[in-house]
Each structure stands twice: as C-alpha cells, then as structure tokens.
N, C-alpha and C. Protein backbone atom coordinates (compact mmCIF):
# COMPACT_ATOMS: atom_id res chain seq x y z
N MET A 1 4.19 5.53 -15.41
CA MET A 1 5.52 5.50 -14.96
C MET A 1 6.59 5.49 -16.39
N ARG A 2 6.27 4.77 -17.14
CA ARG A 2 6.91 4.62 -18.40
C ARG A 2 7.17 5.85 -18.96
N GLU A 3 6.22 6.65 -19.12
CA GLU A 3 6.07 7.94 -19.82
C GLU A 3 7.00 8.96 -18.81
N PHE A 4 6.70 8.86 -17.65
CA PHE A 4 7.53 9.57 -16.69
C PHE A 4 9.05 9.39 -16.91
N ARG A 5 9.41 8.33 -17.11
CA ARG A 5 10.78 7.67 -17.31
C ARG A 5 11.24 8.24 -18.79
N LYS A 6 10.19 8.71 -19.71
CA LYS A 6 10.48 8.98 -20.90
C LYS A 6 11.10 7.75 -21.72
N LEU A 7 10.31 6.72 -21.83
CA LEU A 7 10.60 5.49 -22.40
C LEU A 7 9.53 5.26 -23.41
N THR A 8 9.89 4.74 -24.54
CA THR A 8 8.78 4.46 -25.41
C THR A 8 8.34 2.89 -25.10
N ILE A 9 7.21 2.54 -25.74
CA ILE A 9 6.66 1.16 -25.31
C ILE A 9 7.64 0.10 -25.66
N GLU A 10 8.35 0.40 -26.91
CA GLU A 10 9.48 -0.64 -27.28
C GLU A 10 10.66 -0.64 -26.25
N GLN A 11 11.02 0.58 -25.63
CA GLN A 11 12.08 0.53 -24.77
C GLN A 11 11.63 -0.01 -23.45
N ALA A 12 10.60 0.28 -22.97
CA ALA A 12 9.98 -0.22 -21.79
C ALA A 12 10.13 -1.94 -21.75
N ALA A 13 9.37 -2.25 -22.83
CA ALA A 13 9.14 -3.76 -22.99
C ALA A 13 10.52 -4.58 -23.03
N GLU A 14 11.49 -3.88 -23.90
CA GLU A 14 12.75 -4.62 -23.89
C GLU A 14 13.42 -4.53 -22.62
N LEU A 15 13.40 -3.36 -21.92
CA LEU A 15 14.06 -3.37 -20.56
C LEU A 15 13.50 -4.28 -19.42
N CYS A 16 12.32 -4.59 -19.65
CA CYS A 16 11.57 -5.36 -18.49
C CYS A 16 11.58 -6.77 -19.16
N GLY A 17 11.87 -7.00 -20.18
CA GLY A 17 11.81 -8.29 -20.94
C GLY A 17 10.48 -9.11 -21.03
N CYS A 18 9.67 -8.05 -21.74
CA CYS A 18 8.36 -8.53 -22.31
C CYS A 18 8.08 -8.20 -23.59
N SER A 19 7.14 -8.71 -24.35
CA SER A 19 6.76 -8.21 -25.76
C SER A 19 6.21 -6.92 -25.82
N GLU A 20 6.25 -6.33 -26.97
CA GLU A 20 5.75 -5.04 -26.96
C GLU A 20 3.96 -5.16 -26.91
N SER A 21 3.47 -6.26 -27.55
CA SER A 21 2.16 -6.43 -27.24
C SER A 21 1.69 -6.58 -25.96
N ALA A 22 2.39 -7.34 -25.07
CA ALA A 22 2.01 -7.50 -23.66
C ALA A 22 2.17 -6.20 -22.94
N TRP A 23 3.13 -5.46 -23.38
CA TRP A 23 3.21 -4.11 -22.72
C TRP A 23 2.11 -3.33 -22.88
N LYS A 24 1.58 -3.26 -24.20
CA LYS A 24 0.61 -2.37 -24.48
C LYS A 24 -0.78 -2.81 -23.77
N LYS A 25 -0.83 -4.25 -23.60
CA LYS A 25 -2.04 -4.78 -22.92
C LYS A 25 -2.25 -4.40 -21.37
N TYR A 26 -0.89 -4.26 -20.71
CA TYR A 26 -0.68 -4.03 -19.25
C TYR A 26 -1.20 -2.51 -19.34
N GLU A 27 -0.65 -1.69 -20.08
CA GLU A 27 -0.94 -0.19 -20.13
C GLU A 27 -2.52 -0.04 -20.20
N ARG A 28 -3.28 -0.86 -21.10
CA ARG A 28 -4.57 -0.62 -21.56
C ARG A 28 -5.47 -1.28 -20.28
N GLY A 29 -4.93 -2.09 -19.44
CA GLY A 29 -5.49 -2.87 -18.45
C GLY A 29 -6.26 -4.08 -18.81
N GLU A 30 -5.78 -4.59 -19.88
CA GLU A 30 -6.33 -5.77 -20.70
C GLU A 30 -5.86 -6.94 -20.02
N ARG A 31 -4.59 -6.98 -19.65
CA ARG A 31 -4.00 -7.98 -18.92
C ARG A 31 -3.06 -7.65 -17.60
N LEU A 32 -2.85 -8.48 -16.66
CA LEU A 32 -2.02 -8.27 -15.42
C LEU A 32 -0.57 -8.93 -15.67
N PRO A 33 0.36 -8.18 -15.33
CA PRO A 33 1.87 -9.07 -15.35
C PRO A 33 1.87 -10.25 -14.46
N SER A 34 2.56 -11.12 -14.71
CA SER A 34 2.87 -12.12 -13.82
C SER A 34 3.64 -11.66 -12.54
N VAL A 35 3.76 -12.24 -11.44
CA VAL A 35 4.41 -11.65 -10.40
C VAL A 35 5.98 -11.45 -10.74
N PRO A 36 6.74 -12.38 -11.44
CA PRO A 36 8.14 -12.18 -11.95
C PRO A 36 8.09 -10.78 -12.80
N MET A 37 7.07 -10.70 -13.58
CA MET A 37 7.19 -9.55 -14.53
C MET A 37 6.88 -8.28 -14.02
N LEU A 38 6.08 -8.28 -12.90
CA LEU A 38 5.79 -7.05 -12.12
C LEU A 38 6.96 -6.64 -11.44
N LYS A 39 7.72 -7.81 -10.88
CA LYS A 39 8.95 -7.52 -10.25
C LYS A 39 9.89 -6.77 -11.09
N SER A 40 10.05 -7.33 -12.17
CA SER A 40 11.05 -6.87 -13.25
C SER A 40 10.69 -5.39 -13.64
N ILE A 41 9.37 -5.12 -13.86
CA ILE A 41 8.87 -3.65 -14.07
C ILE A 41 9.14 -2.88 -13.10
N CYS A 42 8.94 -3.22 -11.70
CA CYS A 42 9.25 -2.15 -10.54
C CYS A 42 10.64 -1.95 -10.58
N LEU A 43 11.56 -3.00 -10.48
CA LEU A 43 12.88 -2.87 -10.59
C LEU A 43 13.52 -2.02 -11.64
N ASN A 44 12.96 -2.20 -12.86
CA ASN A 44 13.61 -1.52 -14.00
C ASN A 44 13.17 -0.15 -14.25
N LEU A 45 11.83 0.21 -13.69
CA LEU A 45 11.26 1.51 -13.79
C LEU A 45 11.36 2.15 -12.63
N LYS A 46 12.03 1.44 -11.52
CA LYS A 46 12.18 2.03 -10.07
C LYS A 46 10.78 2.86 -9.56
N ALA A 47 9.84 1.83 -9.28
CA ALA A 47 8.61 2.04 -8.90
C ALA A 47 8.10 1.03 -7.97
N TYR A 48 7.17 1.26 -6.88
CA TYR A 48 6.77 0.21 -6.07
C TYR A 48 5.49 -0.34 -6.92
N PRO A 49 5.18 -1.39 -6.51
CA PRO A 49 3.97 -2.28 -7.11
C PRO A 49 2.82 -1.44 -6.78
N GLU A 50 2.57 -0.84 -5.74
CA GLU A 50 1.46 -0.04 -5.25
C GLU A 50 1.05 0.88 -6.35
N TYR A 51 2.17 1.43 -7.15
CA TYR A 51 2.00 2.66 -7.94
C TYR A 51 1.02 2.04 -9.03
N PHE A 52 1.40 0.89 -9.46
CA PHE A 52 0.57 0.27 -10.67
C PHE A 52 -0.94 0.05 -10.37
N PHE A 53 -1.26 -0.32 -9.00
CA PHE A 53 -2.57 -0.97 -8.79
C PHE A 53 -3.33 0.21 -8.30
N GLY A 54 -2.81 1.26 -7.93
CA GLY A 54 -3.47 2.64 -7.52
C GLY A 54 -4.86 2.26 -6.67
N PRO A 55 -5.81 2.74 -6.89
CA PRO A 55 -7.30 2.67 -6.25
C PRO A 55 -7.73 1.31 -5.98
N GLU A 56 -7.21 0.41 -6.71
CA GLU A 56 -7.66 -1.12 -6.54
C GLU A 56 -7.13 -1.43 -5.18
N LEU A 57 -6.21 -0.86 -4.61
CA LEU A 57 -5.66 -1.31 -3.23
C LEU A 57 -6.33 -0.51 -2.16
N ASP A 58 -7.01 0.45 -2.33
CA ASP A 58 -7.65 1.42 -1.30
C ASP A 58 -8.27 0.67 -0.18
N GLY A 59 -9.06 -0.47 -0.64
CA GLY A 59 -9.73 -1.20 0.51
C GLY A 59 -8.69 -1.76 1.61
N LEU A 60 -7.39 -2.05 1.13
CA LEU A 60 -6.54 -2.71 2.05
C LEU A 60 -6.22 -1.52 3.14
N LEU A 61 -6.51 -0.21 2.90
CA LEU A 61 -5.92 0.88 3.77
C LEU A 61 -7.00 0.90 4.97
N GLU A 62 -8.12 0.39 4.92
CA GLU A 62 -8.92 0.45 5.93
C GLU A 62 -8.47 -0.17 7.16
N GLY A 63 -8.66 0.59 8.29
CA GLY A 63 -8.28 0.09 9.43
C GLY A 63 -6.58 0.14 9.86
N LEU A 64 -5.87 0.66 8.87
CA LEU A 64 -4.37 0.89 9.12
C LEU A 64 -4.17 2.04 9.82
N PRO A 65 -3.39 2.30 10.79
CA PRO A 65 -2.99 3.61 11.31
C PRO A 65 -2.66 4.64 10.08
N GLU A 66 -2.93 5.73 10.49
CA GLU A 66 -2.78 6.86 9.50
C GLU A 66 -1.53 6.99 8.79
N ARG A 67 -0.56 6.77 9.64
CA ARG A 67 0.99 6.91 9.03
C ARG A 67 1.18 5.81 8.01
N GLU A 68 0.71 4.63 8.30
CA GLU A 68 0.81 3.53 7.41
C GLU A 68 -0.02 3.75 5.99
N GLN A 69 -1.06 4.35 6.22
CA GLN A 69 -1.91 4.72 5.00
C GLN A 69 -1.19 5.72 4.23
N LEU A 70 -0.50 6.72 4.83
CA LEU A 70 0.05 7.79 4.22
C LEU A 70 1.39 7.16 3.35
N ILE A 71 2.17 6.36 4.18
CA ILE A 71 3.25 5.60 3.22
C ILE A 71 2.81 4.79 2.13
N LEU A 72 1.76 4.10 2.29
CA LEU A 72 1.26 3.51 0.96
C LEU A 72 0.86 4.28 -0.03
N LYS A 73 0.18 5.40 0.39
CA LYS A 73 -0.18 6.47 -0.72
C LYS A 73 0.94 6.96 -1.41
N LEU A 74 2.02 7.31 -0.43
CA LEU A 74 3.25 7.99 -1.15
C LEU A 74 3.89 7.09 -2.11
N LYS A 75 3.82 5.79 -1.88
CA LYS A 75 4.43 4.85 -2.64
C LYS A 75 3.74 4.85 -4.03
N ARG A 76 2.46 5.37 -4.25
CA ARG A 76 1.85 5.32 -5.59
C ARG A 76 2.19 6.68 -6.13
N LEU A 77 2.75 7.55 -5.67
CA LEU A 77 2.96 8.92 -6.23
C LEU A 77 4.39 8.82 -7.28
N PRO A 78 4.37 9.69 -8.30
CA PRO A 78 5.55 9.62 -9.16
C PRO A 78 6.55 10.36 -8.34
N PRO A 79 7.92 10.03 -8.89
CA PRO A 79 9.01 10.68 -8.07
C PRO A 79 8.90 12.17 -7.99
N ASP A 80 8.61 12.78 -9.02
CA ASP A 80 8.47 14.36 -8.85
C ASP A 80 7.73 14.78 -7.69
N ASP A 81 6.48 14.31 -7.59
CA ASP A 81 5.48 14.49 -6.60
C ASP A 81 6.14 14.07 -5.16
N ILE A 82 6.96 13.00 -5.03
CA ILE A 82 7.40 12.72 -3.79
C ILE A 82 8.57 13.67 -3.43
N ALA A 83 9.10 14.18 -4.51
CA ALA A 83 10.26 15.25 -4.19
C ALA A 83 9.69 16.54 -3.69
N VAL A 84 8.58 16.98 -4.08
CA VAL A 84 7.79 18.18 -3.54
C VAL A 84 7.39 17.84 -2.11
N ILE A 85 6.72 16.82 -1.82
CA ILE A 85 6.25 16.45 -0.67
C ILE A 85 7.40 16.45 0.41
N LYS A 86 8.52 15.93 0.10
CA LYS A 86 9.75 15.68 0.69
C LYS A 86 10.32 17.17 1.19
N ALA A 87 10.08 17.94 0.23
CA ALA A 87 10.65 19.24 0.40
C ALA A 87 9.92 20.12 1.43
N MET A 88 8.34 19.86 1.26
CA MET A 88 7.54 20.45 2.17
C MET A 88 7.80 19.78 3.54
N ALA A 89 7.90 18.71 3.56
CA ALA A 89 8.09 18.06 5.11
C ALA A 89 9.48 18.51 5.83
N ASP A 90 10.66 18.54 5.06
CA ASP A 90 11.88 19.23 5.46
C ASP A 90 11.66 20.61 5.87
N LYS A 91 10.77 21.47 5.14
CA LYS A 91 10.65 22.84 5.63
C LYS A 91 9.95 22.66 6.73
N GLN A 92 8.72 22.03 6.93
CA GLN A 92 8.19 22.13 8.06
C GLN A 92 8.89 21.54 9.22
N LEU A 93 9.67 20.56 9.10
CA LEU A 93 10.59 20.21 10.22
C LEU A 93 11.56 21.29 10.83
N GLU A 94 12.06 21.95 9.70
CA GLU A 94 13.00 23.16 10.06
C GLU A 94 12.20 24.05 10.91
N LEU A 95 10.98 24.46 10.31
CA LEU A 95 10.27 25.57 10.89
C LEU A 95 9.83 25.23 12.47
N SER A 96 9.53 23.94 12.57
CA SER A 96 9.12 23.41 14.05
C SER A 96 10.34 23.43 14.91
N LYS A 97 11.58 23.09 14.36
CA LYS A 97 12.74 23.17 15.15
C LYS A 97 12.91 24.70 15.75
N ASN A 98 12.58 25.62 14.95
CA ASN A 98 12.78 27.08 15.35
C ASN A 98 11.68 27.53 16.29
N LYS A 99 10.54 26.87 16.37
CA LYS A 99 9.51 27.35 17.35
C LYS A 99 9.76 27.00 18.73
N PRO A 100 9.48 27.91 19.87
CA PRO A 100 9.68 27.37 21.15
C PRO A 100 8.81 26.34 21.33
N GLN A 101 9.26 25.28 22.13
CA GLN A 101 8.50 24.18 22.40
C GLN A 101 7.65 24.48 23.64
N ILE A 102 6.33 24.30 23.56
CA ILE A 102 5.53 24.45 24.69
C ILE A 102 4.80 23.42 25.07
N THR A 103 5.21 23.18 26.40
CA THR A 103 4.58 22.10 26.98
C THR A 103 3.67 22.35 28.10
N ILE A 104 2.62 21.67 28.21
CA ILE A 104 1.48 22.12 29.32
C ILE A 104 1.33 20.92 29.95
N SER A 105 1.32 20.98 31.23
CA SER A 105 0.95 19.92 32.15
C SER A 105 -0.42 19.95 32.55
N PRO A 106 -0.95 18.91 32.86
CA PRO A 106 -2.37 18.87 33.57
C PRO A 106 -2.66 19.94 34.67
N LEU A 107 -1.63 20.23 35.33
CA LEU A 107 -1.76 21.12 36.32
C LEU A 107 -1.80 22.66 35.91
N ASP A 108 -1.44 22.80 34.65
CA ASP A 108 -1.55 24.24 34.05
C ASP A 108 -2.85 24.54 33.50
N ILE A 109 -3.82 23.59 33.45
CA ILE A 109 -5.07 23.68 32.86
C ILE A 109 -6.19 23.85 34.00
N ALA A 110 -6.77 24.97 34.28
CA ALA A 110 -7.82 25.09 35.18
C ALA A 110 -9.03 24.67 34.64
N ILE A 111 -9.72 23.87 35.50
CA ILE A 111 -11.01 23.43 35.00
C ILE A 111 -12.25 24.08 35.81
C-alpha cells in the first residue's frame, strides 16, 4: 500500500508515527504493528486492516455468506482494482436494467 501511495519508507513511517526501522520490519513480516499503530497506518494510508493481513485471514471466511466473503476480499484489494470492479458492477447493473425482466411462476413450468 505504501508503494501504491508512492511513499518512501521514510515518508510512510513519519506519516504513521513510527521509526523507519519498525516500518521496514512490518514490510518484511518480521514484526506486527500494535493495534494503535495498525489504526494509524490504516487511517493514513487509507486502507482496511484486512488488506495487510491478506491470506492469513482466509480461515475466517469459512461459513460466512458469499456476499460477506466478497466484501472482505474486496477490502484487501488496492484502490485501482476496486475501481475496476466497481466499473464492471455499474455496467452490469446498467445492462440488467435494460433487459426485460422475466418472471416465471410455478404454474408456468410443466412437469
């Protein structure tokens, strides 16, 4: 996310209120940020916490409805990817509005 925001390690660390060495350890996976630091990183880099934990949270998706799983997966995507998916969804909704709605009642189906 730091690179997506075009920030150097120094800039990201200063923006979020941590040392450069701590930031480097976060990026290398050698250290996890504290909850207050994670909150600072998310607010300053404008990202959901799920983005940073990625596949480590996949086990939490089991048993959730598909819609909730999709929402959690979307939160892990970078903003550019979300913009593409939003455009696709908008287009699909537009196309579905122009299609005649076909409703079939149980009486229409012959067994």
